[in-house]
Protein backbone atom coordinates (compact mmCIF):
# COMPACT_ATOMS: atom_id res chain seq x y z
CA MET A 1 63.48 189.38 92.82
CA GLU A 2 62.05 190.67 89.36
CA PRO A 3 63.95 193.53 87.89
CA ARG A 4 61.48 196.46 88.45
CA PRO A 5 60.90 198.84 84.96
CA ILE A 6 64.02 201.65 84.83
CA GLN A 7 62.59 204.76 84.19
CA ASN A 8 65.19 207.49 81.89
CA ALA A 9 66.93 209.11 85.40
CA VAL A 10 67.32 206.80 89.10
CA SER A 11 68.91 207.33 91.58
CA LYS A 12 71.89 204.86 91.72
CA ALA A 13 69.96 203.03 94.50
CA GLU A 14 67.17 202.38 92.25
CA TYR A 15 69.20 201.40 89.25
CA ALA A 16 70.97 198.60 92.01
CA ARG A 17 67.51 197.08 92.49
CA ALA A 18 66.13 197.48 88.87
CA LYS A 19 69.82 195.74 87.98
CA GLY A 20 69.70 192.90 90.63
CA VAL A 21 73.19 194.37 91.78
CA ASN A 22 74.28 195.80 95.25
CA ARG A 23 75.05 199.44 95.29
CA ALA A 24 78.62 198.64 95.85
CA THR A 25 78.57 197.48 92.36
CA ILE A 26 76.59 200.97 91.05
CA THR A 27 79.50 202.90 92.51
CA ARG A 28 81.86 200.44 90.79
CA TRP A 29 80.83 200.94 87.52
CA ALA A 30 79.92 204.92 88.12
CA GLN A 31 84.09 205.14 89.00
CA ALA A 32 85.25 203.00 86.08
CA GLY A 33 83.31 205.09 83.82
CA ARG A 34 80.81 202.63 82.66
CA LEU A 35 77.52 204.30 83.75
CA VAL A 36 76.43 208.19 82.85
CA LEU A 37 75.34 210.49 85.63
CA ASP A 38 73.33 213.97 85.53
CA GLY A 39 74.22 216.78 87.22
CA HIS A 40 72.74 215.40 90.56
CA SER A 41 74.14 211.66 90.87
CA GLN A 42 71.26 210.17 88.96
CA VAL A 43 71.90 207.21 86.80
CA LEU A 44 70.80 208.58 83.16
CA VAL A 45 69.30 205.08 82.24
CA ASP A 46 69.52 204.64 78.48
CA GLU A 47 72.82 205.40 78.40
CA SER A 48 74.07 203.83 80.96
CA GLU A 49 72.55 200.67 79.27
CA ALA A 50 74.24 201.29 75.93
CA ARG A 51 77.69 202.39 78.14
CA LEU A 52 77.31 198.83 79.85
CA ALA A 53 76.89 197.21 76.48
CA GLU A 54 79.89 198.50 75.42
CA THR A 55 82.03 198.21 78.12
CA ALA A 56 80.84 194.10 78.69
CA ASP A 57 84.01 191.56 79.37
CA PRO A 58 83.14 189.19 76.72
CA THR A 59 85.01 186.90 79.69
CA LYS A 60 82.16 187.95 82.05
CA GLU A 61 79.32 186.07 79.96
CA GLY A 62 79.38 182.91 82.32
CA VAL A 63 79.72 185.01 85.64
CA VAL A 64 76.83 187.16 84.15
CA ARG A 65 74.96 184.10 83.34
CA ARG A 66 75.12 182.21 86.56
CA HIS A 67 74.33 185.29 88.44
CA GLU A 68 71.08 186.16 86.41
CA VAL A 69 70.45 181.92 87.19
CA GLU A 70 70.84 183.45 90.89
CA ARG A 71 68.06 186.10 90.10
CA GLY A 72 65.62 183.56 89.53
CA GLN A 73 66.09 183.27 85.98
CA SER A 74 65.43 179.96 83.84
CA VAL A 75 68.05 177.38 84.18
CA LEU A 76 66.47 176.87 80.55
CA ALA A 77 67.21 179.07 78.92
CA LEU A 78 71.58 178.78 79.61
CA THR A 79 70.79 175.24 77.92
CA ALA A 80 68.18 176.56 75.23
CA ALA A 81 71.77 176.23 72.75
CA ASP A 82 71.92 174.32 69.86
CA PRO A 83 73.28 171.20 71.38
CA ASP A 84 75.18 170.20 69.20
CA LEU A 85 77.66 172.95 69.47
CA PRO A 86 80.18 172.64 72.34
CA PRO A 87 79.06 174.74 75.18
CA ARG A 88 81.76 178.19 74.89
CA LYS A 89 84.01 179.12 77.61
CA GLY A 90 81.30 179.78 80.93
CA GLU A 91 78.41 178.41 79.31
CA LYS A 92 76.16 175.87 81.15
CA HIS A 93 75.78 172.08 79.21
CA GLU A 94 72.65 170.77 78.51
CA SER A 95 73.12 168.52 81.65
CA TYR A 96 73.42 171.37 83.37
CA GLY A 97 69.15 171.64 84.55
CA LYS A 98 69.44 168.36 84.57
CA ARG A 99 72.36 168.78 87.79
CA ILE A 100 70.20 171.31 89.32
CA VAL A 101 66.99 168.90 89.66
CA GLU A 102 68.22 166.19 90.78
CA SER A 103 71.21 168.25 93.73
CA THR A 104 67.51 169.67 94.73
CA ARG A 105 66.02 166.77 94.80
CA ARG A 106 68.24 165.26 97.02
CA GLU A 107 68.88 168.38 99.10
CA ALA A 108 65.27 167.40 99.60
CA ALA A 109 65.76 164.61 100.61
CA ASN A 110 68.07 164.64 103.00
CA ALA A 111 66.12 167.97 104.51
CA ASP A 112 62.94 165.28 104.77
CA ILE A 113 65.79 162.77 106.81
CA ALA A 114 67.13 165.49 108.97
CA GLU A 115 63.68 166.72 109.87
CA MET A 116 62.59 162.93 110.74
CA GLU A 117 65.73 162.75 112.65
CA ARG A 118 64.90 165.52 114.70
CA ASP A 119 61.34 164.26 115.30
CA ARG A 120 62.57 161.10 116.72
CA GLN A 121 65.12 162.73 119.28
CA ARG A 122 62.32 165.07 120.25
CA GLY A 123 59.70 161.85 120.73
CA VAL A 124 57.41 163.13 117.88
CA LEU A 125 58.20 160.23 115.89
CA THR A 126 57.47 157.07 116.57
CA ASP A 127 58.98 153.92 115.92
CA VAL A 128 56.04 151.85 114.76
CA GLU A 129 57.76 148.50 114.61
CA GLY A 130 59.98 149.22 117.58
CA VAL A 131 56.29 149.44 119.87
CA LYS A 132 55.23 146.68 118.20
CA ARG A 133 58.14 144.32 119.26
CA ALA A 134 57.67 146.03 122.57
CA GLN A 135 54.21 145.14 122.94
CA ALA A 136 54.74 141.67 121.76
CA ASP A 137 57.58 141.23 124.26
CA PHE A 138 55.44 142.16 127.17
CA SER A 139 52.67 140.43 125.80
CA THR A 140 54.95 137.20 126.37
CA MET A 141 56.07 138.57 129.66
CA VAL A 142 52.66 139.10 131.53
CA ARG A 143 51.55 135.51 129.59
CA GLN A 144 54.80 133.86 131.30
CA THR A 145 53.88 135.96 134.58
CA LEU A 146 50.08 134.82 135.09
CA GLU A 147 50.66 131.46 133.58
CA ARG A 148 52.99 130.58 136.94
CA VAL A 149 49.91 132.20 139.87
CA PRO A 150 47.83 128.44 139.12
CA VAL A 151 50.47 126.52 139.23
CA GLU A 152 52.41 128.19 142.28
CA LEU A 153 49.08 128.27 144.23
CA ARG A 154 47.87 124.47 142.64
CA GLN A 155 48.58 122.75 146.05
CA HIS A 156 46.34 124.67 147.94
CA LEU A 157 43.42 124.90 145.73
CA THR A 158 40.77 122.20 144.85
CA ALA A 159 40.33 120.99 141.34
CA ALA A 160 37.22 123.32 140.89
CA GLN A 161 38.69 126.33 141.78
CA TYR A 162 42.18 125.62 140.12
CA ASP A 163 40.08 125.38 137.16
CA LEU A 164 38.18 128.61 137.67
CA VAL A 165 41.75 130.76 138.08
CA THR A 166 42.72 128.48 135.18
CA GLY A 167 39.51 129.72 133.03
CA ALA A 168 40.02 133.04 134.48
CA ILE A 169 43.81 134.03 133.37
CA ASP A 170 43.02 132.46 130.08
CA ALA A 171 39.77 135.20 129.29
CA ALA A 172 42.32 137.67 130.74
CA LEU A 173 45.46 136.97 128.38
CA ARG A 174 43.10 136.83 125.26
CA LYS A 175 41.58 139.94 126.00
CA ILE A 176 45.21 141.63 126.82
CA ALA A 177 46.16 139.66 123.21
CA ALA A 178 43.22 141.23 121.35
CA GLN A 179 44.17 145.07 122.91
CA ALA A 180 47.84 144.67 122.11
CA LEU A 181 46.27 143.50 118.48
CA ALA A 182 44.20 146.55 118.27
CA GLN A 183 47.07 148.88 119.10
CA ALA A 184 49.22 147.46 116.59
CA GLU A 185 46.88 147.72 113.93
CA LEU A 186 45.94 151.55 114.81
CA ALA A 187 49.66 152.37 114.91
CA SER A 188 50.10 150.64 111.72
CA SER A 189 47.17 152.62 110.26
CA THR A 190 48.55 156.29 111.14
CA ARG A 191 51.67 155.65 110.11
CA GLN A 192 53.09 157.76 107.80
């Protein structure tokens, strides 16, 4: 959230929003004498900003910067210091921004993997290779079953009838194989 421009006298809640801190922090600052208040619990902004700058703890500089980053300010501002100088205590090194980018990429990839796993468990995601294997196994089983039919009927059929049955079975098997191949190609083309 972007800090809002602050007018000269505002409520503690408005000042907290504008500074990007919670109300308890404003209360602590007021109790510690780090804020200038008018007689009606209004924060006098210009005077309070000056007092906050005067009373800032230099050992908290790294914490302040980290909070600025968390509130949406650029990581690059942290790494804009002279790269030849070692970072001061609490200051981020130039690789800090790169680590954040890599960490973000890793988190996004892990989220994608988790989403795919949830989809797989829900039955939304299809294992295309598994479907192809199941189709091939099914086609083999159908072929073997149908090829046994003429052999079992051979003693009851004339040669002409046997040839008709085997021809019809071969034609049916070719049609089934063509349909299975078309389904496999369709599944491969819709794969994401």
